Amino acid sequence: MAYPFIKSTFARRFFLMKQTGLISHLFNFTTTLVALVVAGLGLAAAPALAQSPAPEVRAMWVSRFEWPSSNQATAKANIDNIMQKLKDNNFNTVLFQVRGQCDVHYPSPYEPWSDTYNWTNPGWDPLAYAINAAHSRGLKFHAYINTHTLSGPIPPSNTVPQHQYNLHGPNVPLAQSWLIRDDQGITNTSDSYRWISPGIPEASWWTRREIMHIVKNYDVDGVHFDRIRTPGPGYSHDAITEARFTGDGNPDSLTWGDFMRRQITNDLRNIYGEIMLNKPWVEVSAAPFGIVYKDSTTLYQGTGTQSQKEWYQDSWAWMENHVVDFMVPQIYWEVGSSHPFELLLADWQARSFGRGVVAGSTTNGAAKSVSALLAENAQTRLQSAMGHCIFSVSSMDNYWTSFKTQRYDQPTTVPDMPWKSAPTLGAVVGYVVDIQGNPVVDAKINLTGDARNYLSAHDGFFAVLDVETTHPAQLHASKAGVGEATVANVTVIPGRATDITLVLRNSRGVVSFDRDAYDAFQRRSFRTGAYTHRDLARQR
């Protein structure tokens, strides 16, 4: 059997030898041979030289069910104890949940406080406290955010700010609702949540704006997304999504499944692009289901839920489109099981497209054996994954000692991301507006030399990633009944996002990018730390 997903001849041979048991025999033979040679020469075996551990992500999920409390002192103590435990056991990254279902654990101008605080301001900022607690102990802090859950517990009828359940939930006119709906127009709960339709541009913009509030106002090292899917294949047949499917929202005439998958990929592209514009060092990751799909190219051939088909979660496409920096797939099955951890991880590694894979494990509420969790960690190193992440911190009592003594006996850093530390490509982002300055949704944007069609969001925002920096870029935008525009001579800077505005007019005009003005802005940006920019283009 061929293994085309394994990229080198050496790796393919190693994999086959491992699968057939030859590696263990070869290792035993080599060890015995070396011992015989040493003994025959009368030499004492030299002690192994201590080596610094290789960089790897050693991460822990910390959910919103583990640290919060309505009592400020208790919550702070919980945060401090968690961060100290991670430091003491040589972990280096924490994925710390701060948003559940359109309610939050930090002051937001857009969303209310969580029900932990009875939906009201507790008088302190848990997110700021947690970031400081992590950074003071040398931990990377990633804000963990649910993206597509509208509500769990039903909020009061009036919150400050008003909860989106009250504005866009099941009790408002259909035209205002953001909820997923089946082909009969019925909305349901799943996993105790009401879910947001990925095909409604206003809802996607709302989530992106909340994410950007965190990015702009807090010193996070990254943002990390969960519940980034639909709960089933029968969604979402809401009126807005269906109208976009048959209209301007589907310029490539995709099938229903591909169209639904594209919605989340587009949302991630816009999030990534806006982060590049504001804080390009901030990392983007997600925690998709561990089984994506199976076909003739995958090692995994089990019977588990295929999230790409069942939940429209096109995880491998996210890596291919470079809309994430790393993925933390929830590979919640053991090595050698009916859904083999090792084969699923190998499938993820083979489809990483130059991005990182941090394999996600679970303790199963402390029911998993220590040896099984260690075996999963061993696979991440054997397969050269970026690292390992465990769900979750409150169930780790039985595992801390074994991990520190057998895996994480010394601290280490996280791996470099060369596309961030030494970038060669840039991005073009911006807004599409009409001649009155109103945002245009579902305008089609094209980059010369790139065959893909990009679409503008509810606020007119768009993002084109992985743009060559060796020559100026040219972009064209259009929407039937609104107009079109072209912008030329756009300077693209490695690792940065160039911001432009495209004004659609019925008569076609050409806009020239002002290179001198943009270069001057860049110099000011690096001095002041500002990363926003609008309207450097001028009409001629």
Protein backbone atom coordinates (compact mmCIF):
# COMPACT_ATOMS: atom_id res chain seq x y z
CA MET A 1 0.00 0.00 0.00
CA ALA A 2 1.30 3.45 -0.90
CA TYR A 3 1.30 6.31 1.59
CA PRO A 4 1.36 9.48 -0.57
CA PHE A 5 0.58 11.67 2.44
CA ILE A 6 4.00 10.88 3.93
CA LYS A 7 6.24 13.35 2.23
CA SER A 8 9.73 11.79 2.21
CA THR A 9 11.06 8.36 1.24
CA PHE A 10 12.71 8.06 4.64
CA ALA A 11 9.46 8.88 6.41
CA ARG A 12 7.53 6.33 4.35
CA ARG A 13 10.10 3.62 5.10
CA PHE A 14 10.12 4.55 8.78
CA PHE A 15 6.33 4.42 8.91
CA LEU A 16 6.20 1.01 7.25
CA MET A 17 8.93 -0.34 9.53
CA LYS A 18 7.10 0.98 12.55
CA GLN A 19 3.81 -0.56 11.42
CA THR A 20 5.43 -3.98 10.90
CA GLY A 21 7.43 -3.93 14.13
CA LEU A 22 10.80 -3.73 12.37
CA ILE A 23 11.78 -0.54 14.19
CA SER A 24 11.64 -2.19 17.60
CA HIS A 25 13.64 -5.20 16.34
CA LEU A 26 16.21 -2.94 14.70
CA PHE A 27 16.53 -0.86 17.86
CA ASN A 28 17.04 -3.96 20.01
CA PHE A 29 19.62 -5.38 17.60
CA THR A 30 21.54 -2.09 17.41
CA THR A 31 21.54 -1.69 21.18
CA THR A 32 22.83 -5.23 21.66
CA LEU A 33 25.52 -4.78 19.01
CA VAL A 34 26.79 -1.56 20.56
CA ALA A 35 26.86 -3.17 24.00
CA LEU A 36 28.89 -6.13 22.65
CA VAL A 37 31.40 -3.84 20.92
CA VAL A 38 31.84 -1.75 24.05
CA ALA A 39 32.28 -4.84 26.20
CA GLY A 40 34.72 -6.40 23.71
CA LEU A 41 36.90 -3.31 23.74
CA GLY A 42 36.81 -3.09 27.50
CA LEU A 43 35.31 0.40 27.35
CA ALA A 44 32.93 1.88 29.84
CA ALA A 45 29.79 3.33 28.36
CA ALA A 46 29.96 7.13 28.50
CA PRO A 47 27.13 8.89 30.29
CA ALA A 48 24.63 10.54 27.97
CA LEU A 49 25.16 14.25 27.52
CA ALA A 50 22.30 16.38 28.76
CA GLN A 51 20.52 18.05 25.88
CA SER A 52 18.13 20.95 25.85
CA PRO A 53 14.67 19.69 24.88
CA ALA A 54 13.46 20.56 21.41
CA PRO A 55 10.93 23.38 21.19
CA GLU A 56 7.36 22.11 21.38
CA VAL A 57 3.96 23.39 22.39
CA ARG A 58 3.00 21.96 25.77
CA ALA A 59 -0.53 23.21 26.12
CA MET A 60 -3.49 22.84 28.44
CA TRP A 61 -7.13 23.66 27.78
CA VAL A 62 -8.70 25.57 30.68
CA SER A 63 -12.46 25.77 30.17
CA ARG A 64 -14.88 28.33 31.57
CA PHE A 65 -16.25 25.58 33.84
CA GLU A 66 -12.95 25.26 35.73
CA TRP A 67 -11.67 28.65 36.85
CA PRO A 68 -14.51 31.21 37.22
CA SER A 69 -16.32 32.10 40.43
CA SER A 70 -18.71 34.84 41.43
CA ASN A 71 -16.30 35.44 44.31
CA GLN A 72 -13.38 37.53 43.06
CA ALA A 73 -10.86 36.18 45.57
CA THR A 74 -11.79 32.58 44.73
CA ALA A 75 -11.53 33.17 40.98
CA LYS A 76 -8.13 34.85 41.32
CA ALA A 77 -6.86 32.01 43.49
CA ASN A 78 -8.10 29.50 40.91
CA ILE A 79 -6.30 31.35 38.12
CA ASP A 80 -3.07 31.63 40.10
CA ASN A 81 -3.14 27.96 41.10
CA ILE A 82 -3.73 26.84 37.52
CA MET A 83 -0.95 28.97 36.08
CA GLN A 84 1.48 27.93 38.80
CA LYS A 85 0.66 24.26 38.29
CA LEU A 86 1.36 24.60 34.57
CA LYS A 87 4.66 26.38 35.23
CA ASP A 88 5.75 23.87 37.88
CA ASN A 89 5.15 21.00 35.46
CA ASN A 90 6.97 22.67 32.55
CA PHE A 91 3.98 23.40 30.35
CA ASN A 92 4.42 26.53 28.25
CA THR A 93 1.00 27.38 26.79
CA VAL A 94 -2.49 27.86 28.16
CA LEU A 95 -5.70 27.95 26.11
CA PHE A 96 -7.91 29.84 28.55
CA GLN A 97 -11.63 30.16 27.86
CA VAL A 98 -13.14 33.63 28.15
CA ARG A 99 -16.23 33.50 25.88
CA GLY A 100 -18.91 30.83 25.91
CA GLN A 101 -22.13 31.79 24.14
CA CYS A 102 -22.16 35.50 23.34
CA ASP A 103 -21.35 36.25 26.99
CA VAL A 104 -17.91 36.94 28.35
CA HIS A 105 -15.44 36.99 31.24
CA TYR A 106 -14.06 40.47 30.58
CA PRO A 107 -15.58 43.92 30.13
CA SER A 108 -16.99 44.20 26.60
CA PRO A 109 -18.92 47.07 25.04
CA TYR A 110 -20.81 44.53 22.93
CA GLU A 111 -21.63 41.46 25.03
CA PRO A 112 -22.81 40.94 28.61
CA TRP A 113 -20.97 39.27 31.43
CA SER A 114 -21.40 35.51 31.88
CA ASP A 115 -24.10 34.01 34.08
CA THR A 116 -21.25 33.22 36.51
CA TYR A 117 -21.60 36.86 37.57
CA ASN A 118 -25.39 36.87 37.20
CA TRP A 119 -24.94 38.68 33.87
CA THR A 120 -23.63 41.82 35.63
CA ASN A 121 -20.24 43.51 36.02
CA PRO A 122 -18.28 41.83 38.84
CA GLY A 123 -16.06 44.88 39.27
CA TRP A 124 -12.81 43.37 37.99
CA ASP A 125 -11.30 42.04 34.75
CA PRO A 126 -10.67 38.26 34.88
CA LEU A 127 -9.08 38.21 31.41
CA ALA A 128 -6.51 40.87 32.27
CA TYR A 129 -5.74 39.10 35.54
CA ALA A 130 -5.31 35.73 33.81
CA ILE A 131 -3.02 37.16 31.12
CA ASN A 132 -0.77 38.70 33.76
CA ALA A 133 -0.80 35.47 35.79
CA ALA A 134 0.27 33.48 32.72
CA HIS A 135 2.91 35.90 31.43
CA SER A 136 4.49 36.39 34.86
CA ARG A 137 5.12 32.63 34.89
CA GLY A 138 6.48 32.46 31.34
CA LEU A 139 3.35 30.93 29.80
CA LYS A 140 1.91 31.83 26.40
CA PHE A 141 -1.70 32.91 26.75
CA HIS A 142 -4.31 32.15 24.07
CA ALA A 143 -7.85 33.45 24.57
CA TYR A 144 -10.19 30.49 24.03
CA ILE A 145 -13.47 31.53 22.36
CA ASN A 146 -16.61 29.71 21.26
CA THR A 147 -17.62 31.15 17.89
CA HIS A 148 -20.95 29.66 16.82
CA THR A 149 -22.96 29.19 20.02
CA LEU A 150 -25.60 31.83 20.66
CA SER A 151 -26.84 30.68 24.04
CA GLY A 152 -26.72 27.95 26.62
CA PRO A 153 -28.58 29.13 29.70
CA ILE A 154 -31.33 31.50 28.60
CA PRO A 155 -30.32 35.01 29.65
CA PRO A 156 -32.63 37.50 31.35
CA SER A 157 -34.79 39.58 29.04
CA ASN A 158 -32.61 42.60 29.72
CA THR A 159 -28.84 42.53 30.09
CA VAL A 160 -26.27 45.28 29.68
CA PRO A 161 -25.18 45.09 26.93
CA GLN A 162 -28.22 43.26 25.62
CA HIS A 163 -27.57 39.57 24.97
CA GLN A 164 -27.77 38.51 21.34
CA TYR A 165 -30.25 35.79 22.31
CA ASN A 166 -32.74 38.57 23.02
CA LEU A 167 -31.93 40.40 19.78
CA HIS A 168 -31.35 37.51 17.35
CA GLY A 169 -32.67 34.38 19.04
CA PRO A 170 -35.82 32.27 18.66
CA ASN A 171 -38.28 34.93 19.79
CA VAL A 172 -37.61 37.63 17.19
CA PRO A 173 -38.91 37.97 13.61
CA LEU A 174 -37.25 35.50 11.24
CA ALA A 175 -35.50 38.27 9.32
CA GLN A 176 -33.66 39.24 12.53
CA SER A 177 -32.78 35.75 13.75
CA TRP A 178 -29.23 34.37 13.55
CA LEU A 179 -30.18 30.81 14.48
CA ILE A 180 -29.53 27.73 12.38
CA ARG A 181 -32.64 26.19 10.82
CA ASP A 182 -33.38 22.88 9.18
CA ASP A 183 -35.09 22.46 5.81
CA GLN A 184 -38.47 22.94 7.51
CA GLY A 185 -37.37 26.26 8.99
CA ILE A 186 -37.19 24.82 12.50
CA THR A 187 -34.39 25.71 14.91
CA ASN A 188 -33.24 23.28 17.57
CA THR A 189 -30.82 23.01 20.45
CA SER A 190 -27.84 20.67 20.20
CA ASP A 191 -25.31 19.88 22.92
CA SER A 192 -27.43 22.19 25.12
CA TYR A 193 -26.67 25.17 22.85
CA ARG A 194 -28.57 27.24 20.36
CA TRP A 195 -26.30 27.65 17.36
CA ILE A 196 -25.51 30.57 15.05
CA SER A 197 -25.80 30.11 11.29
CA PRO A 198 -22.40 30.52 9.58
CA GLY A 199 -24.20 31.82 6.47
CA ILE A 200 -25.51 35.04 8.04
CA PRO A 201 -22.96 37.82 7.41
CA GLU A 202 -24.16 40.03 10.26
CA ALA A 203 -23.61 37.22 12.78
CA SER A 204 -20.13 36.51 11.42
CA TRP A 205 -19.24 40.19 11.65
CA TRP A 206 -20.48 40.31 15.23
CA THR A 207 -18.23 37.44 16.27
CA ARG A 208 -15.23 38.91 14.45
CA ARG A 209 -15.78 42.26 16.14
CA GLU A 210 -15.82 40.61 19.58
CA ILE A 211 -12.64 38.70 18.76
CA MET A 212 -10.97 41.90 17.60
CA HIS A 213 -12.00 43.63 20.84
CA ILE A 214 -9.85 41.08 22.67
CA VAL A 215 -6.98 41.34 20.20
CA LYS A 216 -6.89 45.14 20.25
CA ASN A 217 -7.31 45.60 23.98
CA TYR A 218 -5.40 42.72 25.57
CA ASP A 219 -1.85 41.39 25.36
CA VAL A 220 -2.85 37.93 24.18
CA ASP A 221 -0.38 35.69 22.38
CA GLY A 222 -3.17 34.13 20.39
CA VAL A 223 -6.88 33.52 19.93
CA HIS A 224 -8.22 29.98 19.92
CA PHE A 225 -11.61 28.92 18.54
CA ASP A 226 -13.97 26.11 19.51
CA ARG A 227 -17.55 25.22 18.51
CA ILE A 228 -16.58 26.52 15.09
CA ARG A 229 -19.08 24.47 13.10
CA THR A 230 -22.73 23.58 12.71
CA PRO A 231 -24.20 20.82 14.90
CA GLY A 232 -25.30 18.72 11.93
CA PRO A 233 -25.57 18.44 8.13
CA GLY A 234 -29.19 19.57 7.93
CA TYR A 235 -28.37 23.23 8.56
CA SER A 236 -28.67 26.07 7.93
CA HIS A 237 -31.72 26.72 5.81
CA ASP A 238 -32.45 30.14 7.22
CA ALA A 239 -33.73 32.64 4.66
CA ILE A 240 -30.54 34.73 4.53
CA THR A 241 -28.23 31.76 3.95
CA GLU A 242 -30.48 30.27 1.28
CA ALA A 243 -30.74 33.62 -0.55
CA ARG A 244 -26.96 33.95 -0.55
CA PHE A 245 -26.56 30.36 -1.77
CA THR A 246 -28.56 31.15 -4.89
CA GLY A 247 -27.24 34.70 -5.27
CA ASP A 248 -24.16 36.88 -4.87
CA GLY A 249 -22.94 34.92 -1.84
CA ASN A 250 -22.05 31.94 -4.03
CA PRO A 251 -20.04 33.25 -6.98
CA ASP A 252 -18.46 29.84 -7.63
CA SER A 253 -21.81 28.02 -7.81
CA LEU A 254 -20.77 25.62 -5.06
CA THR A 255 -22.89 22.70 -3.93
CA TRP A 256 -24.75 23.17 -0.66
CA GLY A 257 -22.14 21.31 1.42
CA ASP A 258 -19.19 23.14 -0.12
CA PHE A 259 -21.00 26.44 0.24
CA MET A 260 -21.61 25.87 3.95
CA ARG A 261 -18.01 24.82 4.50
CA ARG A 262 -16.81 27.91 2.65
CA GLN A 263 -18.66 30.22 5.06
CA ILE A 264 -16.48 29.31 8.03
CA THR A 265 -13.30 29.33 5.96
CA ASN A 266 -14.16 32.85 4.76
CA ASP A 267 -14.88 33.98 8.32
CA LEU A 268 -11.50 32.70 9.45
CA ARG A 269 -9.77 34.44 6.56
CA ASN A 270 -11.33 37.76 7.58
CA ILE A 271 -10.40 37.25 11.23
CA TYR A 272 -6.82 36.37 10.28
CA GLY A 273 -6.57 39.36 7.96
CA GLU A 274 -7.88 41.84 10.50
CA ILE A 275 -5.50 40.48 13.12
CA MET A 276 -2.63 40.91 10.63
CA LEU A 277 -3.69 44.51 10.19
CA ASN A 278 -3.68 45.25 13.92
CA LYS A 279 -1.27 42.86 15.65
CA PRO A 280 0.40 40.56 13.13
CA TRP A 281 2.27 38.64 15.85
CA VAL A 282 -0.96 37.30 17.42
CA GLU A 283 -1.49 33.62 16.56
CA VAL A 284 -4.75 32.06 15.37
CA SER A 285 -5.73 28.48 16.17
CA ALA A 286 -8.79 26.27 16.41
CA ALA A 287 -9.88 23.03 18.05
CA PRO A 288 -11.79 21.04 15.42
CA PHE A 289 -12.96 17.46 15.73
CA GLY A 290 -10.17 14.92 15.31
CA ILE A 291 -11.83 13.02 12.45
CA VAL A 292 -12.17 15.17 9.33
CA TYR A 293 -13.06 12.64 6.63
CA LYS A 294 -11.88 9.32 5.28
CA ASP A 295 -11.16 8.34 1.70
CA SER A 296 -8.56 6.38 -0.24
CA THR A 297 -5.82 8.83 0.79
CA THR A 298 -6.37 8.72 4.55
CA LEU A 299 -4.83 6.25 6.95
CA TYR A 300 -7.91 6.45 9.12
CA GLN A 301 -10.64 4.13 7.84
CA GLY A 302 -12.88 3.94 10.91
CA THR A 303 -16.55 4.67 11.37
CA GLY A 304 -16.40 7.89 13.38
CA THR A 305 -18.25 11.12 12.57
CA GLN A 306 -16.60 12.86 9.62
CA SER A 307 -16.77 16.50 10.68
CA GLN A 308 -16.10 17.89 7.21
CA LYS A 309 -19.28 16.23 5.97
CA GLU A 310 -21.47 16.17 9.08
CA TRP A 311 -20.64 19.57 10.64
CA TYR A 312 -19.29 21.55 7.66
CA GLN A 313 -15.99 21.88 9.53
CA ASP A 314 -13.44 21.97 6.69
CA SER A 315 -10.41 21.83 8.97
CA TRP A 316 -7.79 20.72 6.49
CA ALA A 317 -8.90 23.48 4.10
CA TRP A 318 -8.26 26.00 6.90
CA MET A 319 -4.64 24.93 6.99
CA GLU A 320 -4.39 24.83 3.20
CA ASN A 321 -5.74 28.39 3.00
CA HIS A 322 -3.42 29.53 5.80
CA VAL A 323 -6.27 31.06 7.80
CA VAL A 324 -4.85 29.53 11.00
CA ASP A 325 -1.33 29.31 12.37
CA PHE A 326 -1.84 25.97 14.06
CA MET A 327 -4.59 23.49 14.75
CA VAL A 328 -5.40 21.61 17.95
CA PRO A 329 -7.53 18.71 16.66
CA GLN A 330 -9.51 16.89 19.32
CA ILE A 331 -8.06 13.41 18.76
CA TYR A 332 -9.81 12.00 21.79
CA TRP A 333 -9.12 8.29 21.21
CA GLU A 334 -6.22 6.16 22.37
CA VAL A 335 -3.28 4.76 20.46
CA GLY A 336 -4.30 1.45 18.89
CA SER A 337 -8.02 2.00 19.44
CA SER A 338 -10.78 1.68 16.85
CA HIS A 339 -10.11 5.35 16.05
CA PRO A 340 -6.33 5.17 16.33
CA PHE A 341 -4.74 8.32 17.70
CA GLU A 342 -1.56 7.64 15.75
CA LEU A 343 -3.28 7.28 12.37
CA LEU A 344 -5.50 10.30 12.86
CA LEU A 345 -2.48 12.40 13.84
CA ALA A 346 -0.59 11.13 10.77
CA ASP A 347 -3.50 12.27 8.57
CA TRP A 348 -3.38 15.72 10.17
CA GLN A 349 0.37 15.96 9.77
CA ALA A 350 0.13 15.01 6.11
CA ARG A 351 -2.32 17.84 5.46
CA SER A 352 -0.78 20.64 7.51
CA PHE A 353 0.28 22.68 4.44
CA GLY A 354 3.15 24.28 6.33
CA ARG A 355 1.15 25.09 9.46
CA GLY A 356 1.42 23.50 12.88
CA VAL A 357 -0.48 20.58 14.38
CA VAL A 358 -0.74 20.44 18.17
CA ALA A 359 -2.46 17.14 18.87
CA GLY A 360 -5.33 17.38 21.34
CA SER A 361 -5.93 14.63 23.91
CA THR A 362 -8.43 14.18 26.71
CA THR A 363 -8.10 12.51 30.08
CA ASN A 364 -11.74 11.42 29.76
CA GLY A 365 -12.40 13.03 33.11
CA ALA A 366 -9.35 11.26 34.61
CA ALA A 367 -10.64 7.86 33.45
CA LYS A 368 -7.86 7.40 30.89
CA SER A 369 -4.80 5.54 32.14
CA VAL A 370 -1.56 7.43 32.64
CA SER A 371 0.22 5.10 30.21
CA ALA A 372 -2.39 5.76 27.49
CA LEU A 373 -2.03 9.56 27.79
CA LEU A 374 1.77 9.26 27.76
CA ALA A 375 1.56 7.08 24.65
CA GLU A 376 -0.41 9.81 22.87
CA ASN A 377 2.20 12.36 23.87
CA ALA A 378 4.92 10.05 22.57
CA GLN A 379 3.21 9.93 19.18
CA THR A 380 3.34 13.72 18.88
CA ARG A 381 7.13 13.56 19.19
CA LEU A 382 7.54 10.48 17.01
CA GLN A 383 5.58 12.19 14.23
CA SER A 384 7.24 15.61 14.72
CA ALA A 385 4.01 17.42 15.52
CA MET A 386 4.24 20.97 16.85
CA GLY A 387 3.15 19.78 20.27
CA HIS A 388 0.48 18.33 22.52
CA CYS A 389 -2.56 19.77 24.32
CA ILE A 390 -4.63 18.12 27.05
CA PHE A 391 -8.27 18.55 28.05
CA SER A 392 -8.38 19.62 30.71
CA VAL A 393 -6.66 21.09 33.72
CA SER A 394 -9.11 20.10 36.47
CA SER A 395 -8.66 16.38 35.68
CA MET A 396 -4.85 16.34 35.72
CA ASP A 397 -4.13 15.27 39.31
CA ASN A 398 -3.28 11.69 38.31
CA TYR A 399 -1.02 12.78 35.46
CA TRP A 400 1.13 15.72 36.59
CA THR A 401 3.93 13.67 38.13
CA SER A 402 4.25 11.22 35.24
CA PHE A 403 4.30 14.00 32.67
CA LYS A 404 6.97 15.93 34.51
CA THR A 405 9.21 12.96 35.20
CA GLN A 406 8.74 11.11 31.91
CA ARG A 407 8.01 13.82 29.35
CA TYR A 408 8.47 17.39 30.53
CA ASP A 409 11.43 17.10 32.89
CA GLN A 410 12.87 20.37 31.60
CA PRO A 411 11.21 23.57 30.37
CA THR A 412 11.26 24.40 26.69
CA THR A 413 10.13 27.12 24.33
CA VAL A 414 7.39 26.97 21.72
CA PRO A 415 8.49 26.30 18.12
CA ASP A 416 9.23 29.12 15.71
CA MET A 417 6.64 29.98 13.08
CA PRO A 418 8.72 31.15 10.13
CA TRP A 419 5.72 32.60 8.28
CA LYS A 420 5.51 35.02 11.21
CA SER A 421 9.14 35.43 12.26
CA ALA A 422 10.60 35.67 8.74
CA PRO A 423 7.65 36.22 6.40
CA THR A 424 7.94 36.45 2.64
CA LEU A 425 4.24 37.01 1.85
CA GLY A 426 1.83 39.72 2.91
CA ALA A 427 -1.88 40.45 2.77
CA VAL A 428 -4.27 43.00 1.35
CA VAL A 429 -7.31 43.82 3.44
CA GLY A 430 -9.83 46.58 3.44
CA TYR A 431 -13.40 47.62 2.88
CA VAL A 432 -15.78 47.70 -0.04
CA VAL A 433 -18.25 50.61 0.11
CA ASP A 434 -20.73 52.29 -2.20
CA ILE A 435 -20.48 55.93 -3.26
CA GLN A 436 -22.35 57.00 -0.11
CA GLY A 437 -19.76 55.21 2.04
CA ASN A 438 -22.08 52.38 3.07
CA PRO A 439 -20.52 48.91 3.41
CA VAL A 440 -21.29 46.48 0.61
CA VAL A 441 -21.81 42.84 1.54
CA ASP A 442 -20.99 40.00 -0.87
CA ALA A 443 -19.12 42.18 -3.30
CA LYS A 444 -16.74 40.00 -5.30
CA ILE A 445 -13.06 40.87 -4.94
CA ASN A 446 -10.36 39.53 -7.25
CA LEU A 447 -6.60 39.82 -7.01
CA THR A 448 -4.81 39.84 -10.35
CA GLY A 449 -3.01 36.51 -10.71
CA ASP A 450 -5.25 34.75 -8.15
CA ALA A 451 -8.16 32.78 -9.58
CA ARG A 452 -10.16 32.77 -6.35
CA ASN A 453 -13.22 34.90 -5.70
CA TYR A 454 -13.20 36.68 -2.34
CA LEU A 455 -16.32 38.21 -0.79
CA SER A 456 -16.85 41.26 1.39
CA ALA A 457 -18.42 40.78 4.82
CA HIS A 458 -21.35 42.51 6.52
CA ASP A 459 -19.19 45.55 7.31
CA GLY A 460 -17.64 45.51 3.82
CA PHE A 461 -14.39 44.00 5.12
CA PHE A 462 -12.37 41.57 3.03
CA ALA A 463 -9.00 39.87 3.32
CA VAL A 464 -6.69 38.37 0.71
CA LEU A 465 -3.83 36.42 2.29
CA ASP A 466 -0.52 35.05 0.97
CA VAL A 467 -0.01 37.91 -1.49
CA GLU A 468 3.35 38.17 -3.25
CA THR A 469 5.49 41.08 -2.10
CA THR A 470 7.89 41.22 -5.06
CA HIS A 471 5.59 43.39 -7.17
CA PRO A 472 2.61 45.72 -6.63
CA ALA A 473 -0.81 44.13 -6.39
CA GLN A 474 -3.97 45.02 -8.25
CA LEU A 475 -7.48 44.29 -7.00
CA HIS A 476 -10.91 44.56 -8.58
CA ALA A 477 -14.26 44.59 -6.77
CA SER A 478 -17.77 44.44 -8.18
CA LYS A 479 -21.37 43.85 -7.27
CA ALA A 480 -24.33 43.85 -9.62
CA GLY A 481 -26.47 46.94 -9.20
CA VAL A 482 -23.85 48.75 -7.11
CA GLY A 483 -20.81 49.13 -9.35
CA GLU A 484 -17.18 48.18 -9.59
CA ALA A 485 -13.73 49.52 -8.77
CA THR A 486 -10.10 48.70 -9.41
CA VAL A 487 -7.15 49.64 -7.25
CA ALA A 488 -3.65 49.33 -8.70
CA ASN A 489 -0.05 49.63 -7.51
CA VAL A 490 -0.76 48.33 -4.02
CA THR A 491 2.43 47.91 -1.99
CA VAL A 492 2.46 44.62 -0.09
CA ILE A 493 4.84 44.19 2.85
CA PRO A 494 6.00 40.77 4.13
CA GLY A 495 4.13 39.73 7.24
CA ARG A 496 1.85 42.76 7.18
CA ALA A 497 -1.59 43.66 5.88
CA THR A 498 -1.99 46.61 3.54
CA ASP A 499 -5.36 48.32 4.05
CA ILE A 500 -7.29 49.76 1.11
CA THR A 501 -10.83 50.99 0.45
CA LEU A 502 -12.66 50.10 -2.75
CA VAL A 503 -15.50 52.49 -3.65
CA LEU A 504 -17.94 50.88 -6.07
CA ARG A 505 -19.21 53.15 -8.84
CA ASN A 506 -21.45 52.51 -11.80
CA SER A 507 -18.79 54.00 -14.09
CA ARG A 508 -15.57 52.09 -13.88
CA GLY A 509 -12.66 54.04 -12.46
CA VAL A 510 -9.09 53.20 -11.51
CA VAL A 511 -7.68 53.99 -8.09
CA SER A 512 -3.93 54.25 -7.61
CA PHE A 513 -2.35 53.26 -4.35
CA ASP A 514 -0.23 56.08 -2.89
CA ARG A 515 3.07 54.34 -2.14
CA ASP A 516 4.76 57.36 -0.54
CA ALA A 517 1.84 57.98 1.82
CA TYR A 518 1.71 54.31 2.76
CA ASP A 519 5.46 54.10 3.40
CA ALA A 520 5.25 57.18 5.61
CA PHE A 521 2.37 55.60 7.50
CA GLN A 522 4.33 52.40 8.00
CA ARG A 523 7.23 54.33 9.53
CA ARG A 524 4.84 56.05 11.92
CA SER A 525 3.16 52.72 12.72
CA PHE A 526 6.36 51.05 13.80
CA ARG A 527 7.26 54.05 15.97
CA THR A 528 3.87 54.38 17.64
CA GLY A 529 2.66 50.79 17.64
CA ALA A 530 -0.42 51.72 15.59
CA TYR A 531 -1.50 49.21 12.97
CA THR A 532 -4.70 50.64 11.54
CA HIS A 533 -4.95 52.46 8.24
CA ARG A 534 -7.70 53.61 5.93
CA ASP A 535 -8.09 55.59 2.72
CA LEU A 536 -4.51 55.85 1.53
CA ALA A 537 -5.84 55.33 -1.96
CA ARG A 538 -6.75 58.41 -3.97
CA GLN A 539 -9.08 58.80 -6.94
CA ARG A 540 -7.58 59.99 -10.18
